[in-house]
Amino acid sequence: MITVIVKMTVRPEKRKEFLQTIVVMTEPSRKEKGCLSRGFYQDTGNQDSFVLLEEWATKADLDRHVRSDWFQILRGTRDLFCEEPHVRFSLLSHAVPMSSVRPGLESVNLW
């Protein structure tokens, strides 16, 4: 699994335009082959900062997404940013149960 985190800060006067673009494109892009999840979040401390979080099954799926119309539209919003977006890719080779990370953690009530 590949995780993609994109942190973006838009110019305040362009926030509405940016949000309109993202909202229209988010649902169709969730249906792309290999997209395990996609979330779009606004920073509670800065209404002009956002995070796009994606999870892809394979590198081929992510590569296909980068060549998609959706991604090209996202790239087209770059002139709305007040700084260059920060992009981070992470590769998860396998998952393990919580108990193997910290014994007993699975029984902790986090809520």
Protein backbone atom coordinates (compact mmCIF):
# COMPACT_ATOMS: atom_id res chain seq x y z
CA MET A 1 0.00 0.00 0.00
CA ILE A 2 1.20 3.51 -0.82
CA THR A 3 0.11 6.50 1.23
CA VAL A 4 0.24 9.98 -0.27
CA ILE A 5 -0.01 13.07 1.94
CA VAL A 6 -0.28 16.47 0.27
CA LYS A 7 -0.26 19.56 2.50
CA MET A 8 -1.50 22.69 0.75
CA THR A 9 -2.02 26.31 1.80
CA VAL A 10 -4.11 28.45 -0.52
CA ARG A 11 -4.28 32.19 -0.83
CA PRO A 12 -7.23 33.38 1.29
CA GLU A 13 -8.95 35.06 -1.65
CA LYS A 14 -8.72 31.79 -3.64
CA ARG A 15 -9.99 29.40 -0.93
CA LYS A 16 -13.56 29.25 -2.28
CA GLU A 17 -12.37 28.51 -5.83
CA PHE A 18 -10.01 25.81 -4.54
CA LEU A 19 -12.71 24.15 -2.43
CA GLN A 20 -15.21 24.14 -5.29
CA THR A 21 -12.69 22.36 -7.50
CA ILE A 22 -11.71 19.77 -4.89
CA VAL A 23 -15.28 18.99 -3.81
CA VAL A 24 -16.40 18.31 -7.39
CA MET A 25 -13.48 15.96 -8.08
CA THR A 26 -13.14 14.06 -4.81
CA GLU A 27 -15.97 11.53 -5.15
CA PRO A 28 -15.20 10.43 -8.74
CA SER A 29 -11.54 10.01 -7.88
CA ARG A 30 -12.42 7.70 -4.96
CA LYS A 31 -13.79 5.26 -7.53
CA GLU A 32 -10.50 4.93 -9.42
CA LYS A 33 -9.04 1.43 -9.63
CA GLY A 34 -6.69 0.83 -6.72
CA CYS A 35 -7.84 3.78 -4.62
CA LEU A 36 -8.25 2.35 -1.12
CA SER A 37 -9.18 5.67 0.46
CA ARG A 38 -9.06 9.40 -0.09
CA GLY A 39 -9.74 12.11 2.43
CA PHE A 40 -9.60 15.87 2.20
CA TYR A 41 -9.22 17.81 5.44
CA GLN A 42 -9.07 21.43 6.51
CA ASP A 43 -6.67 22.52 9.27
CA THR A 44 -8.71 23.66 12.28
CA GLY A 45 -6.04 26.24 13.11
CA ASN A 46 -5.74 27.73 9.61
CA GLN A 47 -8.77 27.81 7.32
CA ASP A 48 -6.49 28.21 4.30
CA SER A 49 -4.49 25.00 4.95
CA PHE A 50 -5.62 21.59 3.73
CA VAL A 51 -4.41 18.01 3.62
CA LEU A 52 -5.20 15.46 0.95
CA LEU A 53 -4.63 11.91 2.19
CA GLU A 54 -4.72 9.01 -0.27
CA GLU A 55 -4.04 5.30 -0.02
CA TRP A 56 -3.29 3.26 -3.13
CA ALA A 57 -3.08 -0.50 -3.48
CA THR A 58 -0.08 -0.53 -5.85
CA LYS A 59 2.44 1.75 -7.51
CA ALA A 60 0.77 1.02 -10.87
CA ASP A 61 -2.54 2.31 -9.47
CA LEU A 62 -0.86 5.48 -8.20
CA ASP A 63 0.95 5.96 -11.54
CA ARG A 64 -2.36 5.64 -13.41
CA HIS A 65 -3.92 8.19 -11.04
CA VAL A 66 -1.09 10.67 -11.64
CA ARG A 67 -1.85 10.46 -15.36
CA SER A 68 -5.63 10.89 -14.79
CA ASP A 69 -7.79 13.89 -15.61
CA TRP A 70 -8.47 14.33 -11.89
CA PHE A 71 -4.82 14.74 -11.09
CA GLN A 72 -4.35 17.21 -13.93
CA ILE A 73 -7.18 19.31 -12.52
CA LEU A 74 -5.52 19.19 -9.10
CA ARG A 75 -2.25 20.31 -10.67
CA GLY A 76 -4.17 23.18 -12.28
CA THR A 77 -5.02 24.57 -8.84
CA ARG A 78 -1.33 25.27 -8.10
CA ASP A 79 -1.71 28.95 -8.94
CA LEU A 80 -4.17 29.22 -6.04
CA PHE A 81 -1.51 28.28 -3.46
CA CYS A 82 0.49 30.80 -1.48
CA GLU A 83 3.37 28.31 -1.18
CA GLU A 84 4.50 25.11 -2.89
CA PRO A 85 2.53 22.06 -1.64
CA HIS A 86 4.41 19.57 0.52
CA VAL A 87 4.03 16.01 -0.82
CA ARG A 88 5.09 12.85 1.01
CA PHE A 89 4.87 9.25 -0.19
CA SER A 90 5.06 6.28 2.18
CA LEU A 91 5.20 2.61 1.29
CA LEU A 92 3.66 0.09 3.66
CA SER A 93 5.04 -3.33 2.87
CA HIS A 94 2.78 -5.17 5.32
CA ALA A 95 0.46 -4.54 8.23
CA VAL A 96 0.69 -6.06 11.68
CA PRO A 97 -1.88 -6.30 14.47
CA MET A 98 -1.76 -3.66 17.19
CA SER A 99 -0.82 -6.32 19.74
CA SER A 100 2.52 -6.91 18.01
CA VAL A 101 3.36 -3.19 18.14
CA ARG A 102 2.61 -2.78 21.82
CA PRO A 103 1.28 -5.78 23.75
CA GLY A 104 -2.02 -5.05 25.42
CA LEU A 105 -2.76 -1.94 23.35
CA GLU A 106 -5.71 -3.57 21.59
CA SER A 107 -7.59 -3.71 24.88
CA VAL A 108 -7.15 0.00 25.67
CA ASN A 109 -10.34 2.04 25.36
CA LEU A 110 -9.23 5.11 23.41
CA TRP A 111 -12.61 6.81 23.69
